[in-house]
Amino acid sequence: MKIELQEGKKIYFASDQHFGAPTPAE
């Protein structure tokens, strides 16, 4: 999942099953 917006990180974690995953760089 590629998130460009900073707030998208929350969406990334929410969408991802593992919340402990590091934030996607790009």
Protein backbone atom coordinates (compact mmCIF):
# COMPACT_ATOMS: atom_id res chain seq x y z
CA MET A 1 0.00 0.00 0.00
CA LYS A 2 1.50 3.35 -1.00
CA ILE A 3 0.52 6.26 1.20
CA GLU A 4 1.65 9.78 0.27
CA LEU A 5 -0.29 11.76 2.88
CA GLN A 6 1.02 11.80 6.44
CA GLU A 7 -2.48 11.29 7.79
CA GLY A 8 -2.66 8.34 5.41
CA LYS A 9 -0.32 6.52 7.77
CA LYS A 10 -3.22 6.03 10.15
CA ILE A 11 -5.27 4.69 7.23
CA TYR A 12 -2.37 2.39 6.35
CA PHE A 13 -2.24 0.98 9.85
CA ALA A 14 -6.01 0.72 10.03
CA SER A 15 -6.12 -1.09 6.70
CA ASP A 16 -3.15 -3.29 7.55
CA GLN A 17 -3.70 -6.27 9.84
CA HIS A 18 -0.39 -5.81 11.66
CA PHE A 19 -0.36 -2.44 13.42
CA GLY A 20 3.28 -2.94 14.38
CA ALA A 21 4.39 -2.53 10.78
CA PRO A 22 6.75 0.38 10.03
CA THR A 23 5.35 3.34 8.13
CA PRO A 24 5.82 2.99 4.36
CA ALA A 25 8.58 5.30 3.08
CA GLU A 26 7.26 5.51 -0.47
